[in-house]
């Protein structure tokens, strides 16, 4: 039984049929153009907030693997973000402004970062 409210994203036809499931999502087949599609697509990946916090941690001198341990985001992902940020990464913004921006977006992630940053600054590995 076709869903009358849905339209094919390719040809805008309303002549569609259900066509099985893929990864837990209902698939549809357009009778007009023959294309298969799902009702809605989701984006994958990390939020922009998580990316900005990781870049800030890197800019503050924290290593890639330390960032991975504290955030749970792969060091390869952080490395790719650093590479893409390129020269703009080395321009150090006012930390208070960045902290306020991040504070308003994702407090739980920022809390973990601040605890980690305070831990790094309070423990000096070179003192014996």
PDB file of N, CA and C in Angstrom:
ATOM      1  N   UNK A   1       0.843  -1.176   0.000  1.00  0.00           N
ATOM      2  CA  UNK A   1       0.000   0.000   0.000  1.00  0.00           C
ATOM      3  C   UNK A   1       0.888   1.239   0.000  1.00  0.00           C
ATOM      4  N   UNK A   2       0.785   2.101  -0.967  1.00  0.00           N
ATOM      5  CA  UNK A   2       1.668   3.260  -1.059  1.00  0.00           C
ATOM      6  C   UNK A   2       1.343   4.317  -0.008  1.00  0.00           C
ATOM      7  N   UNK A   3       2.385   5.014   0.384  1.00  0.00           N
ATOM      8  CA  UNK A   3       2.244   6.125   1.318  1.00  0.00           C
ATOM      9  C   UNK A   3       1.973   7.377   0.497  1.00  0.00           C
ATOM     10  N   UNK A   4       0.764   7.914   0.575  1.00  0.00           N
ATOM     11  CA  UNK A   4       0.361   9.012  -0.301  1.00  0.00           C
ATOM     12  C   UNK A   4       1.033  10.334   0.038  1.00  0.00           C
ATOM     13  N   UNK A   5       1.522  10.496   1.255  1.00  0.00           N
ATOM     14  CA  UNK A   5       2.148  11.754   1.633  1.00  0.00           C
ATOM     15  C   UNK A   5       3.597  11.836   1.179  1.00  0.00           C
ATOM     16  N   UNK A   6       4.218  10.708   0.915  1.00  0.00           N
ATOM     17  CA  UNK A   6       5.626  10.708   0.500  1.00  0.00           C
ATOM     18  C   UNK A   6       5.754  10.941  -0.995  1.00  0.00           C
ATOM     19  N   UNK A   7       6.889  11.554  -1.360  1.00  0.00           N
ATOM     20  CA  UNK A   7       7.223  11.756  -2.772  1.00  0.00           C
ATOM     21  C   UNK A   7       8.628  11.255  -3.010  1.00  0.00           C
ATOM     22  N   UNK A   8       8.861  10.831  -4.223  1.00  0.00           N
ATOM     23  CA  UNK A   8      10.200  10.407  -4.615  1.00  0.00           C
ATOM     24  C   UNK A   8      11.129  11.629  -4.577  1.00  0.00           C
ATOM     25  N   UNK A   9      12.283  11.538  -3.915  1.00  0.00           N
ATOM     26  CA  UNK A   9      13.190  12.684  -3.863  1.00  0.00           C
ATOM     27  C   UNK A   9      13.832  13.013  -5.214  1.00  0.00           C
ATOM     28  N   UNK A  10      13.765  12.087  -6.174  1.00  0.00           N
ATOM     29  CA  UNK A  10      14.404  12.297  -7.470  1.00  0.00           C
ATOM     30  C   UNK A  10      13.453  12.899  -8.506  1.00  0.00           C
ATOM     31  N   UNK A  11      12.222  12.359  -8.581  1.00  0.00           N
ATOM     32  CA  UNK A  11      11.301  12.833  -9.632  1.00  0.00           C
ATOM     33  C   UNK A  11      10.017  13.446  -9.054  1.00  0.00           C
ATOM     34  N   UNK A  12       9.903  13.472  -7.730  1.00  0.00           N
ATOM     35  CA  UNK A  12       8.744  14.042  -7.029  1.00  0.00           C
ATOM     36  C   UNK A  12       7.432  13.303  -7.302  1.00  0.00           C
ATOM     37  N   UNK A  13       7.498  12.087  -7.793  1.00  0.00           N
ATOM     38  CA  UNK A  13       6.301  11.297  -8.051  1.00  0.00           C
ATOM     39  C   UNK A  13       5.733  10.771  -6.731  1.00  0.00           C
ATOM     40  N   UNK A  14       4.425  10.637  -6.677  1.00  0.00           N
ATOM     41  CA  UNK A  14       3.776  10.080  -5.495  1.00  0.00           C
ATOM     42  C   UNK A  14       3.487   8.589  -5.658  1.00  0.00           C
ATOM     43  N   UNK A  15       3.872   8.020  -6.794  1.00  0.00           N
ATOM     44  CA  UNK A  15       3.652   6.595  -7.054  1.00  0.00           C
ATOM     45  C   UNK A  15       4.829   5.790  -6.520  1.00  0.00           C
ATOM     46  N   UNK A  16       4.721   5.405  -5.252  1.00  0.00           N
ATOM     47  CA  UNK A  16       5.810   4.671  -4.612  1.00  0.00           C
ATOM     48  C   UNK A  16       5.251   3.449  -3.895  1.00  0.00           C
ATOM     49  N   UNK A  17       6.106   2.453  -3.723  1.00  0.00           N
ATOM     50  CA  UNK A  17       5.768   1.233  -2.995  1.00  0.00           C
ATOM     51  C   UNK A  17       6.844   0.966  -1.960  1.00  0.00           C
ATOM     52  N   UNK A  18       6.458   0.289  -0.877  1.00  0.00           N
ATOM     53  CA  UNK A  18       7.447  -0.158   0.089  1.00  0.00           C
ATOM     54  C   UNK A  18       8.304  -1.226  -0.578  1.00  0.00           C
ATOM     55  N   UNK A  19       9.590  -1.231  -0.222  1.00  0.00           N
ATOM     56  CA  UNK A  19      10.511  -2.150  -0.885  1.00  0.00           C
ATOM     57  C   UNK A  19      11.524  -2.717   0.108  1.00  0.00           C
ATOM     58  N   UNK A  20      11.038  -3.288   1.198  1.00  0.00           N
ATOM     59  CA  UNK A  20      11.923  -3.941   2.160  1.00  0.00           C
ATOM     60  C   UNK A  20      12.524  -2.981   3.173  1.00  0.00           C
ATOM     61  N   UNK A  21      13.483  -3.512   3.914  1.00  0.00           N
ATOM     62  CA  UNK A  21      14.174  -2.748   4.940  1.00  0.00           C
ATOM     63  C   UNK A  21      15.674  -2.846   4.728  1.00  0.00           C
ATOM     64  N   UNK A  22      16.365  -1.810   5.126  1.00  0.00           N
ATOM     65  CA  UNK A  22      17.820  -1.821   5.092  1.00  0.00           C
ATOM     66  C   UNK A  22      18.325  -1.123   6.347  1.00  0.00           C
ATOM     67  N   UNK A  23      19.094  -1.854   7.141  1.00  0.00           N
ATOM     68  CA  UNK A  23      19.640  -1.343   8.391  1.00  0.00           C
ATOM     69  C   UNK A  23      18.550  -0.751   9.283  1.00  0.00           C
ATOM     70  N   UNK A  24      17.429  -1.427   9.327  1.00  0.00           N
ATOM     71  CA  UNK A  24      16.345  -1.021  10.205  1.00  0.00           C
ATOM     72  C   UNK A  24      15.468   0.099   9.686  1.00  0.00           C
ATOM     73  N   UNK A  25      15.668   0.525   8.468  1.00  0.00           N
ATOM     74  CA  UNK A  25      14.866   1.611   7.899  1.00  0.00           C
ATOM     75  C   UNK A  25      14.041   1.089   6.730  1.00  0.00           C
ATOM     76  N   UNK A  26      12.853   1.611   6.595  1.00  0.00           N
ATOM     77  CA  UNK A  26      11.957   1.217   5.508  1.00  0.00           C
ATOM     78  C   UNK A  26      12.479   1.763   4.184  1.00  0.00           C
ATOM     79  N   UNK A  27      12.572   0.906   3.172  1.00  0.00           N
ATOM     80  CA  UNK A  27      12.967   1.323   1.827  1.00  0.00           C
ATOM     81  C   UNK A  27      11.718   1.476   0.962  1.00  0.00           C
ATOM     82  N   UNK A  28      11.797   2.372   0.018  1.00  0.00           N
ATOM     83  CA  UNK A  28      10.700   2.613  -0.917  1.00  0.00           C
ATOM     84  C   UNK A  28      11.235   2.551  -2.338  1.00  0.00           C
ATOM     85  N   UNK A  29      10.333   2.191  -3.288  1.00  0.00           N
ATOM     86  CA  UNK A  29      10.689   2.117  -4.699  1.00  0.00           C
ATOM     87  C   UNK A  29       9.731   3.008  -5.463  1.00  0.00           C
ATOM     88  N   UNK A  30      10.276   3.893  -6.281  1.00  0.00           N
ATOM     89  CA  UNK A  30       9.452   4.781  -7.103  1.00  0.00           C
ATOM     90  C   UNK A  30       9.031   4.032  -8.361  1.00  0.00           C
ATOM     91  N   UNK A  31       7.733   4.036  -8.634  1.00  0.00           N
ATOM     92  CA  UNK A  31       7.235   3.364  -9.844  1.00  0.00           C
ATOM     93  C   UNK A  31       7.568   4.153 -11.098  1.00  0.00           C
ATOM     94  N   UNK A  32       7.720   5.457 -10.985  1.00  0.00           N
ATOM     95  CA  UNK A  32       7.971   6.296 -12.162  1.00  0.00           C
ATOM     96  C   UNK A  32       9.415   6.212 -12.649  1.00  0.00           C
ATOM     97  N   UNK A  33      10.359   6.443 -11.741  1.00  0.00           N
ATOM     98  CA  UNK A  33      11.763   6.474 -12.181  1.00  0.00           C
ATOM     99  C   UNK A  33      12.527   5.207 -11.796  1.00  0.00           C
ATOM    100  N   UNK A  34      11.940   4.348 -10.949  1.00  0.00           N
ATOM    101  CA  UNK A  34      12.570   3.086 -10.591  1.00  0.00           C
ATOM    102  C   UNK A  34      13.650   3.198  -9.528  1.00  0.00           C
ATOM    103  N   UNK A  35      13.814   4.356  -8.932  1.00  0.00           N
ATOM    104  CA  UNK A  35      14.851   4.530  -7.921  1.00  0.00           C
ATOM    105  C   UNK A  35      14.368   4.085  -6.551  1.00  0.00           C
ATOM    106  N   UNK A  36      15.320   3.605  -5.763  1.00  0.00           N
ATOM    107  CA  UNK A  36      15.019   3.181  -4.400  1.00  0.00           C
ATOM    108  C   UNK A  36      15.519   4.255  -3.449  1.00  0.00           C
ATOM    109  N   UNK A  37      14.768   4.502  -2.378  1.00  0.00           N
ATOM    110  CA  UNK A  37      15.158   5.510  -1.403  1.00  0.00           C
ATOM    111  C   UNK A  37      14.556   5.166  -0.056  1.00  0.00           C
ATOM    112  N   UNK A  38      15.020   5.839   0.994  1.00  0.00           N
ATOM    113  CA  UNK A  38      14.435   5.667   2.317  1.00  0.00           C
ATOM    114  C   UNK A  38      13.706   6.948   2.691  1.00  0.00           C
ATOM    115  N   UNK A  39      12.857   6.855   3.708  1.00  0.00           N
ATOM    116  CA  UNK A  39      11.999   7.988   4.069  1.00  0.00           C
ATOM    117  C   UNK A  39      12.803   9.206   4.507  1.00  0.00           C
ATOM    118  N   UNK A  40      13.829   9.005   5.343  1.00  0.00           N
ATOM    119  CA  UNK A  40      14.665  10.123   5.772  1.00  0.00           C
ATOM    120  C   UNK A  40      16.084   9.623   6.000  1.00  0.00           C
ATOM    121  N   UNK A  41      17.015  10.492   5.765  1.00  0.00           N
ATOM    122  CA  UNK A  41      18.424  10.176   5.918  1.00  0.00           C
ATOM    123  C   UNK A  41      18.954  10.872   7.164  1.00  0.00           C
ATOM    124  N   UNK A  42      19.865  10.215   7.866  1.00  0.00           N
ATOM    125  CA  UNK A  42      20.468  10.814   9.048  1.00  0.00           C
ATOM    126  C   UNK A  42      21.930  11.109   8.756  1.00  0.00           C
ATOM    127  N   UNK A  43      22.432  12.152   9.387  1.00  0.00           N
ATOM    128  CA  UNK A  43      23.833  12.493   9.214  1.00  0.00           C
ATOM    129  C   UNK A  43      24.662  11.723  10.226  1.00  0.00           C
ATOM    130  N   UNK A  44      25.839  11.341   9.810  1.00  0.00           N
ATOM    131  CA  UNK A  44      26.756  10.625  10.679  1.00  0.00           C
ATOM    132  C   UNK A  44      27.884  11.581  11.055  1.00  0.00           C
ATOM    133  N   UNK A  45      28.554  11.245  12.117  1.00  0.00           N
ATOM    134  CA  UNK A  45      29.712  12.030  12.504  1.00  0.00           C
ATOM    135  C   UNK A  45      29.508  12.748  13.823  1.00  0.00           C
ATOM    136  N   UNK A  46      30.501  13.578  14.167  1.00  0.00           N
ATOM    137  CA  UNK A  46      30.500  14.294  15.429  1.00  0.00           C
ATOM    138  C   UNK A  46      29.927  15.694  15.234  1.00  0.00           C
ATOM    139  N   UNK A  47      29.438  16.255  16.307  1.00  0.00           N
ATOM    140  CA  UNK A  47      28.877  17.606  16.250  1.00  0.00           C
ATOM    141  C   UNK A  47      29.997  18.624  16.042  1.00  0.00           C
ATOM    142  N   UNK A  48      29.620  19.782  15.586  1.00  0.00           N
ATOM    143  CA  UNK A  48      30.584  20.869  15.392  1.00  0.00           C
ATOM    144  C   UNK A  48      31.177  21.284  16.738  1.00  0.00           C
ATOM    145  N   UNK A  49      30.393  21.184  17.807  1.00  0.00           N
ATOM    146  CA  UNK A  49      30.885  21.522  19.149  1.00  0.00           C
ATOM    147  C   UNK A  49      32.031  20.606  19.549  1.00  0.00           C
ATOM    148  N   UNK A  50      31.852  19.302  19.345  1.00  0.00           N
ATOM    149  CA  UNK A  50      32.900  18.340  19.693  1.00  0.00           C
ATOM    150  C   UNK A  50      34.164  18.625  18.892  1.00  0.00           C
ATOM    151  N   UNK A  51      34.000  18.949  17.632  1.00  0.00           N
ATOM    152  CA  UNK A  51      35.146  19.254  16.771  1.00  0.00           C
ATOM    153  C   UNK A  51      35.889  20.484  17.278  1.00  0.00           C
ATOM    154  N   UNK A  52      35.153  21.543  17.615  1.00  0.00           N
ATOM    155  CA  UNK A  52      35.785  22.777  18.086  1.00  0.00           C
ATOM    156  C   UNK A  52      36.499  22.570  19.418  1.00  0.00           C
ATOM    157  N   UNK A  53      35.914  21.775  20.296  1.00  0.00           N
ATOM    158  CA  UNK A  53      36.551  21.505  21.588  1.00  0.00           C
ATOM    159  C   UNK A  53      37.844  20.722  21.388  1.00  0.00           C
ATOM    160  N   UNK A  54      37.827  19.725  20.506  1.00  0.00           N
ATOM    161  CA  UNK A  54      39.046  18.950  20.232  1.00  0.00           C
ATOM    162  C   UNK A  54      40.128  19.825  19.612  1.00  0.00           C
ATOM    163  N   UNK A  55      39.739  20.706  18.706  1.00  0.00           N
ATOM    164  CA  UNK A  55      40.726  21.614  18.101  1.00  0.00           C
ATOM    165  C   UNK A  55      41.293  22.571  19.146  1.00  0.00           C
ATOM    166  N   UNK A  56      40.451  23.023  20.062  1.00  0.00           N
ATOM    167  CA  UNK A  56      40.927  23.907  21.131  1.00  0.00           C
ATOM    168  C   UNK A  56      41.897  23.151  22.038  1.00  0.00           C
ATOM    169  N   UNK A  57      41.593  21.905  22.347  1.00  0.00           N
ATOM    170  CA  UNK A  57      42.492  21.098  23.168  1.00  0.00           C
ATOM    171  C   UNK A  57      43.840  20.930  22.472  1.00  0.00           C
ATOM    172  N   UNK A  58      43.811  20.671  21.177  1.00  0.00           N
ATOM    173  CA  UNK A  58      45.044  20.515  20.411  1.00  0.00           C
ATOM    174  C   UNK A  58      45.829  21.824  20.412  1.00  0.00           C
ATOM    175  N   UNK A  59      45.135  22.927  20.227  1.00  0.00           N
ATOM    176  CA  UNK A  59      45.769  24.239  20.219  1.00  0.00           C
ATOM    177  C   UNK A  59      46.374  24.561  21.592  1.00  0.00           C
ATOM    178  N   UNK A  60      45.780  24.023  22.663  1.00  0.00           N
ATOM    179  CA  UNK A  60      46.300  24.235  24.012  1.00  0.00           C
ATOM    180  C   UNK A  60      47.491  23.344  24.326  1.00  0.00           C
ATOM    181  N   UNK A  61      47.892  22.511  23.351  1.00  0.00           N
ATOM    182  CA  UNK A  61      49.089  21.705  23.520  1.00  0.00           C
ATOM    183  C   UNK A  61      48.847  20.286  23.974  1.00  0.00           C
ATOM    184  N   UNK A  62      47.614  19.847  23.982  1.00  0.00           N
ATOM    185  CA  UNK A  62      47.307  18.479  24.379  1.00  0.00           C
ATOM    186  C   UNK A  62      47.500  17.566  23.173  1.00  0.00           C
ATOM    187  N   UNK A  63      48.131  16.438  23.375  1.00  0.00           N
ATOM    188  CA  UNK A  63      48.423  15.509  22.288  1.00  0.00           C
ATOM    189  C   UNK A  63      47.177  14.812  21.763  1.00  0.00           C
ATOM    190  N   UNK A  64      47.303  14.253  20.566  1.00  0.00           N
ATOM    191  CA  UNK A  64      46.166  13.605  19.910  1.00  0.00           C
ATOM    192  C   UNK A  64      45.639  12.412  20.704  1.00  0.00           C
ATOM    193  N   UNK A  65      46.535  11.605  21.224  1.00  0.00           N
ATOM    194  CA  UNK A  65      46.083  10.428  21.980  1.00  0.00           C
ATOM    195  C   UNK A  65      45.490  10.814  23.332  1.00  0.00           C
ATOM    196  N   UNK A  66      45.979  11.882  23.924  1.00  0.00           N
ATOM    197  CA  UNK A  66      45.391  12.369  25.181  1.00  0.00           C
ATOM    198  C   UNK A  66      43.977  12.894  24.918  1.00  0.00           C
ATOM    199  N   UNK A  67      43.797  13.560  23.783  1.00  0.00           N
ATOM    200  CA  UNK A  67      42.464  14.031  23.403  1.00  0.00           C
ATOM    201  C   UNK A  67      41.545  12.829  23.198  1.00  0.00           C
ATOM    202  N   UNK A  68      42.062  11.793  22.551  1.00  0.00           N
ATOM    203  CA  UNK A  68      41.272  10.584  22.331  1.00  0.00           C
ATOM    204  C   UNK A  68      40.844   9.957  23.660  1.00  0.00           C
ATOM    205  N   UNK A  69      41.772   9.873  24.614  1.00  0.00           N
ATOM    206  CA  UNK A  69      41.441   9.272  25.910  1.00  0.00           C
ATOM    207  C   UNK A  69      40.395  10.084  26.660  1.00  0.00           C
ATOM    208  N   UNK A  70      40.464  11.401  26.572  1.00  0.00           N
ATOM    209  CA  UNK A  70      39.538  12.226  27.351  1.00  0.00           C
ATOM    210  C   UNK A  70      38.174  12.389  26.685  1.00  0.00           C
ATOM    211  N   UNK A  71      38.128  12.351  25.364  1.00  0.00           N
ATOM    212  CA  UNK A  71      36.861  12.613  24.670  1.00  0.00           C
ATOM    213  C   UNK A  71      36.223  11.362  24.081  1.00  0.00           C
ATOM    214  N   UNK A  72      37.029  10.332  23.823  1.00  0.00           N
ATOM    215  CA  UNK A  72      36.495   9.143  23.182  1.00  0.00           C
ATOM    216  C   UNK A  72      36.447   9.255  21.662  1.00  0.00           C
ATOM    217  N   UNK A  73      36.984  10.348  21.111  1.00  0.00           N
ATOM    218  CA  UNK A  73      37.030  10.555  19.661  1.00  0.00           C
ATOM    219  C   UNK A  73      38.395  10.090  19.163  1.00  0.00           C
ATOM    220  N   UNK A  74      38.405   9.276  18.135  1.00  0.00           N
ATOM    221  CA  UNK A  74      39.644   8.689  17.628  1.00  0.00           C
ATOM    222  C   UNK A  74      40.694   9.758  17.315  1.00  0.00           C
ATOM    223  N   UNK A  75      41.952   9.432  17.626  1.00  0.00           N
ATOM    224  CA  UNK A  75      43.036  10.373  17.335  1.00  0.00           C
ATOM    225  C   UNK A  75      43.170  10.599  15.824  1.00  0.00           C
ATOM    226  N   UNK A  76      42.788   9.607  15.029  1.00  0.00           N
ATOM    227  CA  UNK A  76      42.826   9.794  13.570  1.00  0.00           C
ATOM    228  C   UNK A  76      41.806  10.843  13.127  1.00  0.00           C
ATOM    229  N   UNK A  77      40.640  10.837  13.733  1.00  0.00           N
ATOM    230  CA  UNK A  77      39.616  11.829  13.412  1.00  0.00           C
ATOM    231  C   UNK A  77      40.105  13.220  13.801  1.00  0.00           C
ATOM    232  N   UNK A  78      40.660  13.341  15.004  1.00  0.00           N
ATOM    233  CA  UNK A  78      41.170  14.641  15.457  1.00  0.00           C
ATOM    234  C   UNK A  78      42.301  15.096  14.545  1.00  0.00           C
ATOM    235  N   UNK A  79      43.162  14.171  14.148  1.00  0.00           N
ATOM    236  CA  UNK A  79      44.262  14.508  13.236  1.00  0.00           C
ATOM    237  C   UNK A  79      43.729  15.038  11.899  1.00  0.00           C
ATOM    238  N   UNK A  80      42.680  14.419  11.385  1.00  0.00           N
ATOM    239  CA  UNK A  80      42.080  14.903  10.136  1.00  0.00           C
ATOM    240  C   UNK A  80      41.501  16.297  10.306  1.00  0.00           C
ATOM    241  N   UNK A  81      40.857  16.552  11.451  1.00  0.00           N
ATOM    242  CA  UNK A  81      40.310  17.893  11.708  1.00  0.00           C
ATOM    243  C   UNK A  81      41.426  18.925  11.780  1.00  0.00           C
ATOM    244  N   UNK A  82      42.554  18.564  12.426  1.00  0.00           N
ATOM    245  CA  UNK A  82      43.688  19.474  12.551  1.00  0.00           C
ATOM    246  C   UNK A  82      44.251  19.789  11.169  1.00  0.00           C
ATOM    247  N   UNK A  83      44.393  18.764  10.342  1.00  0.00           N
ATOM    248  CA  UNK A  83      44.915  18.950   8.989  1.00  0.00           C
ATOM    249  C   UNK A  83      44.013  19.865   8.173  1.00  0.00           C
ATOM    250  N   UNK A  84      42.696  19.661   8.279  1.00  0.00           N
ATOM    251  CA  UNK A  84      41.755  20.488   7.517  1.00  0.00           C
ATOM    252  C   UNK A  84      41.718  21.911   8.037  1.00  0.00           C
ATOM    253  N   UNK A  85      41.910  22.084   9.340  1.00  0.00           N
ATOM    254  CA  UNK A  85      41.893  23.435   9.910  1.00  0.00           C
ATOM    255  C   UNK A  85      43.101  24.227   9.419  1.00  0.00           C
ATOM    256  N   UNK A  86      44.214  23.555   9.208  1.00  0.00           N
ATOM    257  CA  UNK A  86      45.403  24.162   8.615  1.00  0.00           C
ATOM    258  C   UNK A  86      45.900  25.379   9.343  1.00  0.00           C
ATOM    259  N   UNK A  87      46.150  26.444   8.611  1.00  0.00           N
ATOM    260  CA  UNK A  87      46.769  27.641   9.174  1.00  0.00           C
ATOM    261  C   UNK A  87      45.846  28.382  10.134  1.00  0.00           C
ATOM    262  N   UNK A  88      44.555  28.237   9.982  1.00  0.00           N
ATOM    263  CA  UNK A  88      43.637  28.938  10.883  1.00  0.00           C
ATOM    264  C   UNK A  88      43.724  28.386  12.300  1.00  0.00           C
ATOM    265  N   UNK A  89      44.241  27.174  12.449  1.00  0.00           N
ATOM    266  CA  UNK A  89      44.359  26.564  13.765  1.00  0.00           C
ATOM    267  C   UNK A  89      45.381  27.301  14.623  1.00  0.00           C
ATOM    268  N   UNK A  90      46.401  27.859  14.016  1.00  0.00           N
ATOM    269  CA  UNK A  90      47.475  28.493  14.766  1.00  0.00           C
ATOM    270  C   UNK A  90      47.139  29.924  15.171  1.00  0.00           C
ATOM    271  N   UNK A  91      46.060  30.471  14.654  1.00  0.00           N
ATOM    272  CA  UNK A  91      45.605  31.788  15.091  1.00  0.00           C
ATOM    273  C   UNK A  91      44.833  31.578  16.381  1.00  0.00           C
ATOM    274  N   UNK A  92      45.397  32.015  17.477  1.00  0.00           N
ATOM    275  CA  UNK A  92      44.810  31.744  18.788  1.00  0.00           C
ATOM    276  C   UNK A  92      43.745  32.785  19.115  1.00  0.00           C
ATOM    277  N   UNK A  93      42.473  32.380  19.182  1.00  0.00           N
ATOM    278  CA  UNK A  93      41.435  33.321  19.573  1.00  0.00           C
ATOM    279  C   UNK A  93      41.484  33.589  21.068  1.00  0.00           C
ATOM    280  N   UNK A  94      40.738  34.577  21.489  1.00  0.00           N
ATOM    281  CA  UNK A  94      40.620  34.879  22.905  1.00  0.00           C
ATOM    282  C   UNK A  94      39.951  33.695  23.589  1.00  0.00           C
ATOM    283  N   UNK A  95      40.628  33.075  24.560  1.00  0.00           N
ATOM    284  CA  UNK A  95      40.113  31.859  25.194  1.00  0.00           C
ATOM    285  C   UNK A  95      38.800  32.080  25.920  1.00  0.00           C
ATOM    286  N   UNK A  96      38.605  33.258  26.508  1.00  0.00           N
ATOM    287  CA  UNK A  96      37.357  33.512  27.217  1.00  0.00           C
ATOM    288  C   UNK A  96      36.176  33.498  26.255  1.00  0.00           C
ATOM    289  N   UNK A  97      36.360  34.101  25.084  1.00  0.00           N
ATOM    290  CA  UNK A  97      35.286  34.122  24.092  1.00  0.00           C
ATOM    291  C   UNK A  97      34.943  32.705  23.640  1.00  0.00           C
ATOM    292  N   UNK A  98      35.956  31.905  23.373  1.00  0.00           N
ATOM    293  CA  UNK A  98      35.729  30.532  22.914  1.00  0.00           C
ATOM    294  C   UNK A  98      35.068  29.705  24.011  1.00  0.00           C
ATOM    295  N   UNK A  99      35.524  29.880  25.271  1.00  0.00           N
ATOM    296  CA  UNK A  99      34.915  29.150  26.378  1.00  0.00           C
ATOM    297  C   UNK A  99      33.442  29.509  26.528  1.00  0.00           C
ATOM    298  N   UNK A 100      33.097  30.800  26.372  1.00  0.00           N
ATOM    299  CA  UNK A 100      31.694  31.214  26.481  1.00  0.00           C
ATOM    300  C   UNK A 100      30.864  30.604  25.362  1.00  0.00           C
ATOM    301  N   UNK A 101      31.400  30.575  24.148  1.00  0.00           N
ATOM    302  CA  UNK A 101      30.686  29.999  23.012  1.00  0.00           C
ATOM    303  C   UNK A 101      30.438  28.518  23.238  1.00  0.00           C
ATOM    304  N   UNK A 102      31.463  27.811  23.680  1.00  0.00           N
ATOM    305  CA  UNK A 102      31.330  26.376  23.899  1.00  0.00           C
ATOM    306  C   UNK A 102      30.434  26.121  25.105  1.00  0.00           C
ATOM    307  N   UNK A 103      30.545  26.962  26.162  1.00  0.00           N
ATOM    308  CA  UNK A 103      29.701  26.800  27.355  1.00  0.00           C
ATOM    309  C   UNK A 103      28.231  26.763  27.001  1.00  0.00           C
ATOM    310  N   UNK A 104      27.808  27.631  26.096  1.00  0.00           N
ATOM    311  CA  UNK A 104      26.389  27.716  25.774  1.00  0.00           C
ATOM    312  C   UNK A 104      25.918  26.539  24.931  1.00  0.00           C
ATOM    313  N   UNK A 105      26.842  25.818  24.310  1.00  0.00           N
ATOM    314  CA  UNK A 105      26.449  24.747  23.393  1.00  0.00           C
ATOM    315  C   UNK A 105      26.403  23.380  24.053  1.00  0.00           C
ATOM    316  N   UNK A 106      27.487  22.963  24.675  1.00  0.00           N
ATOM    317  CA  UNK A 106      27.544  21.600  25.195  1.00  0.00           C
ATOM    318  C   UNK A 106      28.246  21.557  26.543  1.00  0.00           C
ATOM    319  N   UNK A 107      27.531  21.834  27.615  1.00  0.00           N
ATOM    320  CA  UNK A 107      28.171  21.912  28.928  1.00  0.00           C
ATOM    321  C   UNK A 107      28.775  20.601  29.407  1.00  0.00           C
ATOM    322  N   UNK A 108      28.168  19.461  29.125  1.00  0.00           N
ATOM    323  CA  UNK A 108      28.703  18.202  29.640  1.00  0.00           C
ATOM    324  C   UNK A 108      30.057  17.874  29.014  1.00  0.00           C
ATOM    325  N   UNK A 109      30.193  18.098  27.735  1.00  0.00           N
ATOM    326  CA  UNK A 109      31.452  17.825  27.055  1.00  0.00           C
ATOM    327  C   UNK A 109      32.518  18.803  27.546  1.00  0.00           C
ATOM    328  N   UNK A 110      32.127  20.064  27.741  1.00  0.00           N
ATOM    329  CA  UNK A 110      33.064  21.071  28.199  1.00  0.00           C
ATOM    330  C   UNK A 110      33.522  20.783  29.626  1.00  0.00           C
ATOM    331  N   UNK A 111      32.626  20.299  30.465  1.00  0.00           N
ATOM    332  CA  UNK A 111      32.994  19.955  31.840  1.00  0.00           C
ATOM    333  C   UNK A 111      34.120  18.927  31.830  1.00  0.00           C
ATOM    334  N   UNK A 112      33.993  17.906  31.001  1.00  0.00           N
ATOM    335  CA  UNK A 112      35.026  16.883  30.923  1.00  0.00           C
ATOM    336  C   UNK A 112      36.348  17.483  30.461  1.00  0.00           C
ATOM    337  N   UNK A 113      36.287  18.401  29.505  1.00  0.00           N
ATOM    338  CA  UNK A 113      37.499  19.031  28.988  1.00  0.00           C
ATOM    339  C   UNK A 113      38.164  19.882  30.059  1.00  0.00           C
ATOM    340  N   UNK A 114      37.376  20.676  30.789  1.00  0.00           N
ATOM    341  CA  UNK A 114      37.949  21.547  31.812  1.00  0.00           C
ATOM    342  C   UNK A 114      38.601  20.730  32.925  1.00  0.00           C
ATOM    343  N   UNK A 115      37.967  19.631  33.328  1.00  0.00           N
ATOM    344  CA  UNK A 115      38.557  18.767  34.344  1.00  0.00           C
ATOM    345  C   UNK A 115      39.877  18.202  33.831  1.00  0.00           C
ATOM    346  N   UNK A 116      39.881  17.753  32.588  1.00  0.00           N
ATOM    347  CA  UNK A 116      41.094  17.192  31.991  1.00  0.00           C
ATOM    348  C   UNK A 116      42.182  18.260  31.878  1.00  0.00           C
ATOM    349  N   UNK A 117      41.813  19.477  31.446  1.00  0.00           N
ATOM    350  CA  UNK A 117      42.783  20.564  31.293  1.00  0.00           C
ATOM    351  C   UNK A 117      43.368  20.939  32.653  1.00  0.00           C
ATOM    352  N   UNK A 118      42.529  21.006  33.698  1.00  0.00           N
ATOM    353  CA  UNK A 118      43.019  21.323  35.033  1.00  0.00           C
ATOM    354  C   UNK A 118      43.939  20.234  35.558  1.00  0.00           C
ATOM    355  N   UNK A 119      43.613  18.985  35.254  1.00  0.00           N
ATOM    356  CA  UNK A 119      44.455  17.869  35.678  1.00  0.00           C
ATOM    357  C   UNK A 119      45.830  17.969  35.031  1.00  0.00           C
ATOM    358  N   UNK A 120      45.876  18.310  33.742  1.00  0.00           N
ATOM    359  CA  UNK A 120      47.158  18.419  33.051  1.00  0.00           C
ATOM    360  C   UNK A 120      47.987  19.573  33.592  1.00  0.00           C
ATOM    361  N   UNK A 121      47.341  20.702  33.882  1.00  0.00           N
ATOM    362  CA  UNK A 121      48.102  21.859  34.347  1.00  0.00           C
ATOM    363  C   UNK A 121      48.563  21.683  35.790  1.00  0.00           C
ATOM    364  N   UNK A 122      47.841  20.916  36.617  1.00  0.00           N
ATOM    365  CA  UNK A 122      48.225  20.740  38.013  1.00  0.00           C
ATOM    366  C   UNK A 122      49.298  19.675  38.193  1.00  0.00           C
ATOM    367  N   UNK A 123      49.368  18.713  37.295  1.00  0.00           N
ATOM    368  CA  UNK A 123      50.379  17.653  37.436  1.00  0.00           C
ATOM    369  C   UNK A 123      51.532  17.927  36.489  1.00  0.00           C
ATOM    370  N   UNK A 124      52.702  18.064  37.051  1.00  0.00           N
ATOM    371  CA  UNK A 124      53.895  18.313  36.261  1.00  0.00           C
ATOM    372  C   UNK A 124      54.703  17.024  36.215  1.00  0.00           C
ATOM    373  N   UNK A 125      54.784  16.411  35.060  1.00  0.00           N
ATOM    374  CA  UNK A 125      55.452  15.114  34.907  1.00  0.00           C
ATOM    375  C   UNK A 125      56.961  15.209  35.064  1.00  0.00           C
ATOM    376  N   UNK A 126      57.530  16.405  34.907  1.00  0.00           N
ATOM    377  CA  UNK A 126      58.984  16.533  34.885  1.00  0.00           C
ATOM    378  C   UNK A 126      59.575  16.712  36.271  1.00  0.00           C
ATOM    379  N   UNK A 127      58.745  16.947  37.268  1.00  0.00           N
ATOM    380  CA  UNK A 127      59.260  17.060  38.624  1.00  0.00           C
ATOM    381  C   UNK A 127      59.443  15.670  39.219  1.00  0.00           C
ATOM    382  N   UNK A 128      60.596  15.413  39.769  1.00  0.00           N
ATOM    383  CA  UNK A 128      60.839  14.079  40.346  1.00  0.00           C
ATOM    384  C   UNK A 128      61.123  14.196  41.822  1.00  0.00           C
TER     385      UNK A 128
END
